[in-house]
Amino acid sequence: MDPVESAIEEAVRRGDFDDLPASHDPDWWVKQRIANGEIDPRVLLPVVVLLRKEYERRDEDHPPLTIPDSNCVERW
């Protein structure tokens, strides 16, 4: 057996890897970066959710257009 593999197997038997964050949650590193503010959690949302949220904010982000009076239009 390869000496590296033997060392890894021995470490596993001793439990050296039992308390690593990735052993319980494969997404630990992403969650840690979100918690530290390094990643904006909104970028992880599916595109359809982002579009739905943008659609819901459409009135806040883009107020309705006002139609100018007819005198203003005729001058142009």
PDB file of N, CA and C in Angstrom:
ATOM      1  N   MET A   1       0.854  -1.185   0.000  1.00  0.00           N
ATOM      2  CA  MET A   1       0.000   0.000   0.000  1.00  0.00           C
ATOM      3  C   MET A   1       0.894   1.240   0.000  1.00  0.00           C
ATOM      4  N   ASP A   2       0.411   2.254  -0.656  1.00  0.00           N
ATOM      5  CA  ASP A   2       1.119   3.534  -0.762  1.00  0.00           C
ATOM      6  C   ASP A   2       1.271   4.148   0.639  1.00  0.00           C
ATOM      7  N   PRO A   3       2.444   4.704   0.962  1.00  0.00           N
ATOM      8  CA  PRO A   3       2.634   5.291   2.303  1.00  0.00           C
ATOM      9  C   PRO A   3       1.693   6.465   2.573  1.00  0.00           C
ATOM     10  N   VAL A   4       1.341   7.209   1.543  1.00  0.00           N
ATOM     11  CA  VAL A   4       0.409   8.339   1.734  1.00  0.00           C
ATOM     12  C   VAL A   4      -0.970   7.808   2.091  1.00  0.00           C
ATOM     13  N   GLU A   5      -1.423   6.802   1.353  1.00  0.00           N
ATOM     14  CA  GLU A   5      -2.732   6.216   1.647  1.00  0.00           C
ATOM     15  C   GLU A   5      -2.748   5.604   3.044  1.00  0.00           C
ATOM     16  N   SER A   6      -1.653   4.962   3.422  1.00  0.00           N
ATOM     17  CA  SER A   6      -1.563   4.372   4.769  1.00  0.00           C
ATOM     18  C   SER A   6      -1.673   5.449   5.837  1.00  0.00           C
ATOM     19  N   ALA A   7      -1.002   6.567   5.621  1.00  0.00           N
ATOM     20  CA  ALA A   7      -1.054   7.659   6.599  1.00  0.00           C
ATOM     21  C   ALA A   7      -2.457   8.240   6.686  1.00  0.00           C
ATOM     22  N   ILE A   8      -3.135   8.339   5.540  1.00  0.00           N
ATOM     23  CA  ILE A   8      -4.510   8.869   5.540  1.00  0.00           C
ATOM     24  C   ILE A   8      -5.444   7.910   6.264  1.00  0.00           C
ATOM     25  N   GLU A   9      -5.341   6.642   5.968  1.00  0.00           N
ATOM     26  CA  GLU A   9      -6.199   5.652   6.626  1.00  0.00           C
ATOM     27  C   GLU A   9      -5.964   5.629   8.134  1.00  0.00           C
ATOM     28  N   GLU A  10      -4.723   5.747   8.524  1.00  0.00           N
ATOM     29  CA  GLU A  10      -4.409   5.776   9.956  1.00  0.00           C
ATOM     30  C   GLU A  10      -5.009   7.018  10.618  1.00  0.00           C
ATOM     31  N   ALA A  11      -4.928   8.153   9.937  1.00  0.00           N
ATOM     32  CA  ALA A  11      -5.505   9.393  10.476  1.00  0.00           C
ATOM     33  C   ALA A  11      -7.019   9.279  10.581  1.00  0.00           C
ATOM     34  N   VAL A  12      -7.632   8.626   9.616  1.00  0.00           N
ATOM     35  CA  VAL A  12      -9.088   8.420   9.662  1.00  0.00           C
ATOM     36  C   VAL A  12      -9.450   7.547  10.850  1.00  0.00           C
ATOM     37  N   ARG A  13      -8.694   6.482  11.067  1.00  0.00           N
ATOM     38  CA  ARG A  13      -8.960   5.601  12.218  1.00  0.00           C
ATOM     39  C   ARG A  13      -8.816   6.338  13.543  1.00  0.00           C
ATOM     40  N   ARG A  14      -7.848   7.240  13.621  1.00  0.00           N
ATOM     41  CA  ARG A  14      -7.651   8.019  14.854  1.00  0.00           C
ATOM     42  C   ARG A  14      -8.743   9.079  15.027  1.00  0.00           C
ATOM     43  N   GLY A  15      -9.439   9.411  13.931  1.00  0.00           N
ATOM     44  CA  GLY A  15     -10.478  10.427  14.013  1.00  0.00           C
ATOM     45  C   GLY A  15      -9.964  11.835  13.769  1.00  0.00           C
ATOM     46  N   ASP A  16      -8.802  11.943  13.121  1.00  0.00           N
ATOM     47  CA  ASP A  16      -8.214  13.262  12.877  1.00  0.00           C
ATOM     48  C   ASP A  16      -9.082  14.141  11.969  1.00  0.00           C
ATOM     49  N   PHE A  17      -9.912  13.517  11.155  1.00  0.00           N
ATOM     50  CA  PHE A  17     -10.722  14.286  10.208  1.00  0.00           C
ATOM     51  C   PHE A  17     -12.169  14.452  10.663  1.00  0.00           C
ATOM     52  N   ASP A  18     -12.507  13.948  11.826  1.00  0.00           N
ATOM     53  CA  ASP A  18     -13.900  13.945  12.276  1.00  0.00           C
ATOM     54  C   ASP A  18     -14.475  15.341  12.513  1.00  0.00           C
ATOM     55  N   ASP A  19     -13.674  16.286  12.940  1.00  0.00           N
ATOM     56  CA  ASP A  19     -14.192  17.605  13.290  1.00  0.00           C
ATOM     57  C   ASP A  19     -14.014  18.653  12.194  1.00  0.00           C
ATOM     58  N   LEU A  20     -13.645  18.232  11.009  1.00  0.00           N
ATOM     59  CA  LEU A  20     -13.513  19.191   9.910  1.00  0.00           C
ATOM     60  C   LEU A  20     -14.900  19.654   9.478  1.00  0.00           C
ATOM     61  N   PRO A  21     -15.051  20.943   9.176  1.00  0.00           N
ATOM     62  CA  PRO A  21     -16.380  21.437   8.792  1.00  0.00           C
ATOM     63  C   PRO A  21     -16.960  20.704   7.590  1.00  0.00           C
ATOM     64  N   ALA A  22     -16.157  20.366   6.627  1.00  0.00           N
ATOM     65  CA  ALA A  22     -16.658  19.732   5.414  1.00  0.00           C
ATOM     66  C   ALA A  22     -17.158  18.317   5.653  1.00  0.00           C
ATOM     67  N   SER A  23     -16.783  17.714   6.768  1.00  0.00           N
ATOM     68  CA  SER A  23     -17.228  16.347   7.019  1.00  0.00           C
ATOM     69  C   SER A  23     -18.721  16.290   7.335  1.00  0.00           C
ATOM     70  N   HIS A  24     -19.309  17.413   7.703  1.00  0.00           N
ATOM     71  CA  HIS A  24     -20.730  17.443   8.040  1.00  0.00           C
ATOM     72  C   HIS A  24     -21.549  18.220   7.010  1.00  0.00           C
ATOM     73  N   ASP A  25     -20.985  19.258   6.467  1.00  0.00           N
ATOM     74  CA  ASP A  25     -21.712  20.124   5.540  1.00  0.00           C
ATOM     75  C   ASP A  25     -20.800  20.486   4.377  1.00  0.00           C
ATOM     76  N   PRO A  26     -21.085  19.976   3.192  1.00  0.00           N
ATOM     77  CA  PRO A  26     -20.202  20.256   2.062  1.00  0.00           C
ATOM     78  C   PRO A  26     -20.203  21.725   1.632  1.00  0.00           C
ATOM     79  N   ASP A  27     -21.179  22.487   2.063  1.00  0.00           N
ATOM     80  CA  ASP A  27     -21.250  23.903   1.688  1.00  0.00           C
ATOM     81  C   ASP A  27     -20.747  24.823   2.790  1.00  0.00           C
ATOM     82  N   TRP A  28     -19.978  24.298   3.720  1.00  0.00           N
ATOM     83  CA  TRP A  28     -19.514  25.094   4.858  1.00  0.00           C
ATOM     84  C   TRP A  28     -18.730  26.313   4.429  1.00  0.00           C
ATOM     85  N   TRP A  29     -17.916  26.189   3.392  1.00  0.00           N
ATOM     86  CA  TRP A  29     -17.052  27.298   2.982  1.00  0.00           C
ATOM     87  C   TRP A  29     -17.871  28.432   2.370  1.00  0.00           C
ATOM     88  N   VAL A  30     -18.944  28.099   1.645  1.00  0.00           N
ATOM     89  CA  VAL A  30     -19.801  29.147   1.076  1.00  0.00           C
ATOM     90  C   VAL A  30     -20.537  29.869   2.193  1.00  0.00           C
ATOM     91  N   LYS A  31     -21.081  29.107   3.122  1.00  0.00           N
ATOM     92  CA  LYS A  31     -21.818  29.706   4.242  1.00  0.00           C
ATOM     93  C   LYS A  31     -20.904  30.593   5.087  1.00  0.00           C
ATOM     94  N   GLN A  32     -19.657  30.163   5.252  1.00  0.00           N
ATOM     95  CA  GLN A  32     -18.701  30.958   6.019  1.00  0.00           C
ATOM     96  C   GLN A  32     -18.402  32.278   5.305  1.00  0.00           C
ATOM     97  N   ARG A  33     -18.242  32.238   3.999  1.00  0.00           N
ATOM     98  CA  ARG A  33     -17.949  33.462   3.238  1.00  0.00           C
ATOM     99  C   ARG A  33     -19.165  34.390   3.209  1.00  0.00           C
ATOM    100  N   ILE A  34     -20.368  33.838   3.180  1.00  0.00           N
ATOM    101  CA  ILE A  34     -21.579  34.665   3.250  1.00  0.00           C
ATOM    102  C   ILE A  34     -21.642  35.346   4.613  1.00  0.00           C
ATOM    103  N   ALA A  35     -21.381  34.587   5.667  1.00  0.00           N
ATOM    104  CA  ALA A  35     -21.419  35.136   7.030  1.00  0.00           C
ATOM    105  C   ALA A  35     -20.385  36.246   7.212  1.00  0.00           C
ATOM    106  N   ASN A  36     -19.235  36.126   6.557  1.00  0.00           N
ATOM    107  CA  ASN A  36     -18.185  37.139   6.658  1.00  0.00           C
ATOM    108  C   ASN A  36     -18.424  38.331   5.727  1.00  0.00           C
ATOM    109  N   GLY A  37     -19.475  38.253   4.905  1.00  0.00           N
ATOM    110  CA  GLY A  37     -19.779  39.347   3.995  1.00  0.00           C
ATOM    111  C   GLY A  37     -18.954  39.329   2.726  1.00  0.00           C
ATOM    112  N   GLU A  38     -18.252  38.247   2.454  1.00  0.00           N
ATOM    113  CA  GLU A  38     -17.432  38.154   1.250  1.00  0.00           C
ATOM    114  C   GLU A  38     -18.266  37.823   0.012  1.00  0.00           C
ATOM    115  N   ILE A  39     -19.409  37.187   0.222  1.00  0.00           N
ATOM    116  CA  ILE A  39     -20.303  36.815  -0.878  1.00  0.00           C
ATOM    117  C   ILE A  39     -21.688  37.364  -0.580  1.00  0.00           C
ATOM    118  N   ASP A  40     -22.284  38.018  -1.560  1.00  0.00           N
ATOM    119  CA  ASP A  40     -23.662  38.484  -1.437  1.00  0.00           C
ATOM    120  C   ASP A  40     -24.574  37.281  -1.682  1.00  0.00           C
ATOM    121  N   PRO A  41     -25.408  36.913  -0.709  1.00  0.00           N
ATOM    122  CA  PRO A  41     -26.223  35.703  -0.871  1.00  0.00           C
ATOM    123  C   PRO A  41     -27.192  35.779  -2.045  1.00  0.00           C
ATOM    124  N   ARG A  42     -27.508  36.976  -2.503  1.00  0.00           N
ATOM    125  CA  ARG A  42     -28.433  37.097  -3.636  1.00  0.00           C
ATOM    126  C   ARG A  42     -27.857  36.516  -4.921  1.00  0.00           C
ATOM    127  N   VAL A  43     -26.523  36.496  -5.046  1.00  0.00           N
ATOM    128  CA  VAL A  43     -25.929  35.968  -6.279  1.00  0.00           C
ATOM    129  C   VAL A  43     -26.091  34.455  -6.384  1.00  0.00           C
ATOM    130  N   LEU A  44     -26.450  33.802  -5.309  1.00  0.00           N
ATOM    131  CA  LEU A  44     -26.624  32.353  -5.322  1.00  0.00           C
ATOM    132  C   LEU A  44     -28.055  31.940  -5.649  1.00  0.00           C
ATOM    133  N   LEU A  45     -28.957  32.912  -5.754  1.00  0.00           N
ATOM    134  CA  LEU A  45     -30.348  32.589  -6.057  1.00  0.00           C
ATOM    135  C   LEU A  45     -30.497  32.219  -7.533  1.00  0.00           C
ATOM    136  N   PRO A  46     -31.454  31.353  -7.848  1.00  0.00           N
ATOM    137  CA  PRO A  46     -31.714  31.041  -9.258  1.00  0.00           C
ATOM    138  C   PRO A  46     -32.171  32.296 -10.004  1.00  0.00           C
ATOM    139  N   VAL A  47     -31.893  32.339 -11.285  1.00  0.00           N
ATOM    140  CA  VAL A  47     -32.218  33.505 -12.106  1.00  0.00           C
ATOM    141  C   VAL A  47     -33.711  33.819 -12.052  1.00  0.00           C
ATOM    142  N   VAL A  48     -34.545  32.800 -12.067  1.00  0.00           N
ATOM    143  CA  VAL A  48     -35.988  33.033 -12.054  1.00  0.00           C
ATOM    144  C   VAL A  48     -36.413  33.768 -10.787  1.00  0.00           C
ATOM    145  N   VAL A  49     -35.783  33.476  -9.660  1.00  0.00           N
ATOM    146  CA  VAL A  49     -36.107  34.158  -8.407  1.00  0.00           C
ATOM    147  C   VAL A  49     -35.653  35.613  -8.479  1.00  0.00           C
ATOM    148  N   LEU A  50     -34.472  35.851  -9.013  1.00  0.00           N
ATOM    149  CA  LEU A  50     -33.975  37.221  -9.154  1.00  0.00           C
ATOM    150  C   LEU A  50     -34.891  38.043 -10.059  1.00  0.00           C
ATOM    151  N   LEU A  51     -35.330  37.453 -11.159  1.00  0.00           N
ATOM    152  CA  LEU A  51     -36.228  38.159 -12.070  1.00  0.00           C
ATOM    153  C   LEU A  51     -37.570  38.456 -11.408  1.00  0.00           C
ATOM    154  N   ARG A  52     -38.071  37.497 -10.629  1.00  0.00           N
ATOM    155  CA  ARG A  52     -39.345  37.709  -9.942  1.00  0.00           C
ATOM    156  C   ARG A  52     -39.235  38.855  -8.934  1.00  0.00           C
ATOM    157  N   LYS A  53     -38.115  38.896  -8.197  1.00  0.00           N
ATOM    158  CA  LYS A  53     -37.911  39.970  -7.222  1.00  0.00           C
ATOM    159  C   LYS A  53     -37.780  41.319  -7.935  1.00  0.00           C
ATOM    160  N   GLU A  54     -37.064  41.340  -9.055  1.00  0.00           N
ATOM    161  CA  GLU A  54     -36.927  42.580  -9.811  1.00  0.00           C
ATOM    162  C   GLU A  54     -38.282  43.041 -10.334  1.00  0.00           C
ATOM    163  N   TYR A  55     -39.107  42.107 -10.788  1.00  0.00           N
ATOM    164  CA  TYR A  55     -40.440  42.446 -11.278  1.00  0.00           C
ATOM    165  C   TYR A  55     -41.295  43.026 -10.151  1.00  0.00           C
ATOM    166  N   GLU A  56     -41.182  42.461  -8.956  1.00  0.00           N
ATOM    167  CA  GLU A  56     -41.959  42.962  -7.818  1.00  0.00           C
ATOM    168  C   GLU A  56     -41.526  44.378  -7.422  1.00  0.00           C
ATOM    169  N   ARG A  57     -40.265  44.740  -7.675  1.00  0.00           N
ATOM    170  CA  ARG A  57     -39.766  46.077  -7.321  1.00  0.00           C
ATOM    171  C   ARG A  57     -39.885  47.081  -8.465  1.00  0.00           C
ATOM    172  N   ARG A  58     -40.508  46.684  -9.552  1.00  0.00           N
ATOM    173  CA  ARG A  58     -40.511  47.539 -10.747  1.00  0.00           C
ATOM    174  C   ARG A  58     -41.106  48.919 -10.494  1.00  0.00           C
ATOM    175  N   ASP A  59     -42.144  49.009  -9.681  1.00  0.00           N
ATOM    176  CA  ASP A  59     -42.765  50.309  -9.430  1.00  0.00           C
ATOM    177  C   ASP A  59     -41.885  51.200  -8.564  1.00  0.00           C
ATOM    178  N   GLU A  60     -41.123  50.598  -7.668  1.00  0.00           N
ATOM    179  CA  GLU A  60     -40.212  51.376  -6.823  1.00  0.00           C
ATOM    180  C   GLU A  60     -39.006  51.861  -7.620  1.00  0.00           C
ATOM    181  N   ASP A  61     -38.480  50.980  -8.446  1.00  0.00           N
ATOM    182  CA  ASP A  61     -37.269  51.308  -9.209  1.00  0.00           C
ATOM    183  C   ASP A  61     -37.548  52.210 -10.403  1.00  0.00           C
ATOM    184  N   HIS A  62     -38.727  52.059 -10.993  1.00  0.00           N
ATOM    185  CA  HIS A  62     -39.080  52.835 -12.185  1.00  0.00           C
ATOM    186  C   HIS A  62     -40.470  53.431 -12.008  1.00  0.00           C
ATOM    187  N   PRO A  63     -40.544  54.662 -11.505  1.00  0.00           N
ATOM    188  CA  PRO A  63     -41.866  55.271 -11.327  1.00  0.00           C
ATOM    189  C   PRO A  63     -42.556  55.430 -12.682  1.00  0.00           C
ATOM    190  N   PRO A  64     -43.887  55.480 -12.683  1.00  0.00           N
ATOM    191  CA  PRO A  64     -44.612  55.584 -13.948  1.00  0.00           C
ATOM    192  C   PRO A  64     -44.246  56.866 -14.696  1.00  0.00           C
ATOM    193  N   LEU A  65     -44.247  56.762 -15.994  1.00  0.00           N
ATOM    194  CA  LEU A  65     -43.953  57.929 -16.825  1.00  0.00           C
ATOM    195  C   LEU A  65     -45.135  58.884 -16.807  1.00  0.00           C
ATOM    196  N   THR A  66     -44.828  60.156 -16.820  1.00  0.00           N
ATOM    197  CA  THR A  66     -45.896  61.150 -16.898  1.00  0.00           C
ATOM    198  C   THR A  66     -45.944  61.670 -18.329  1.00  0.00           C
ATOM    199  N   ILE A  67     -47.143  61.808 -18.822  1.00  0.00           N
ATOM    200  CA  ILE A  67     -47.322  62.302 -20.185  1.00  0.00           C
ATOM    201  C   ILE A  67     -47.368  63.827 -20.120  1.00  0.00           C
ATOM    202  N   PRO A  68     -46.469  64.492 -20.849  1.00  0.00           N
ATOM    203  CA  PRO A  68     -46.470  65.953 -20.814  1.00  0.00           C
ATOM    204  C   PRO A  68     -47.741  66.516 -21.454  1.00  0.00           C
ATOM    205  N   ASP A  69     -48.030  67.739 -21.140  1.00  0.00           N
ATOM    206  CA  ASP A  69     -49.224  68.348 -21.735  1.00  0.00           C
ATOM    207  C   ASP A  69     -49.011  68.542 -23.241  1.00  0.00           C
ATOM    208  N   SER A  70     -50.074  68.739 -23.930  1.00  0.00           N
ATOM    209  CA  SER A  70     -50.015  68.813 -25.397  1.00  0.00           C
ATOM    210  C   SER A  70     -49.189  70.003 -25.879  1.00  0.00           C
ATOM    211  N   ASN A  71     -49.139  71.110 -25.132  1.00  0.00           N
ATOM    212  CA  ASN A  71     -48.346  72.269 -25.548  1.00  0.00           C
ATOM    213  C   ASN A  71     -46.861  71.924 -25.609  1.00  0.00           C
ATOM    214  N   CYS A  72     -46.411  71.147 -24.665  1.00  0.00           N
ATOM    215  CA  CYS A  72     -45.014  70.753 -24.624  1.00  0.00           C
ATOM    216  C   CYS A  72     -44.678  69.875 -25.805  1.00  0.00           C
ATOM    217  N   VAL A  73     -45.558  68.973 -26.160  1.00  0.00           N
ATOM    218  CA  VAL A  73     -45.295  68.050 -27.272  1.00  0.00           C
ATOM    219  C   VAL A  73     -45.287  68.810 -28.584  1.00  0.00           C
ATOM    220  N   GLU A  74     -46.166  69.754 -28.764  1.00  0.00           N
ATOM    221  CA  GLU A  74     -46.254  70.491 -30.035  1.00  0.00           C
ATOM    222  C   GLU A  74     -44.997  71.323 -30.280  1.00  0.00           C
ATOM    223  N   ARG A  75     -44.370  71.827 -29.224  1.00  0.00           N
ATOM    224  CA  ARG A  75     -43.158  72.627 -29.407  1.00  0.00           C
ATOM    225  C   ARG A  75     -42.011  71.794 -29.957  1.00  0.00           C
ATOM    226  N   TRP A  76     -41.990  70.533 -29.702  1.00  0.00           N
ATOM    227  CA  TRP A  76     -40.915  69.670 -30.185  1.00  0.00           C
ATOM    228  C   TRP A  76     -41.197  69.306 -31.590  1.00  0.00           C
TER     229      TRP A  76
END
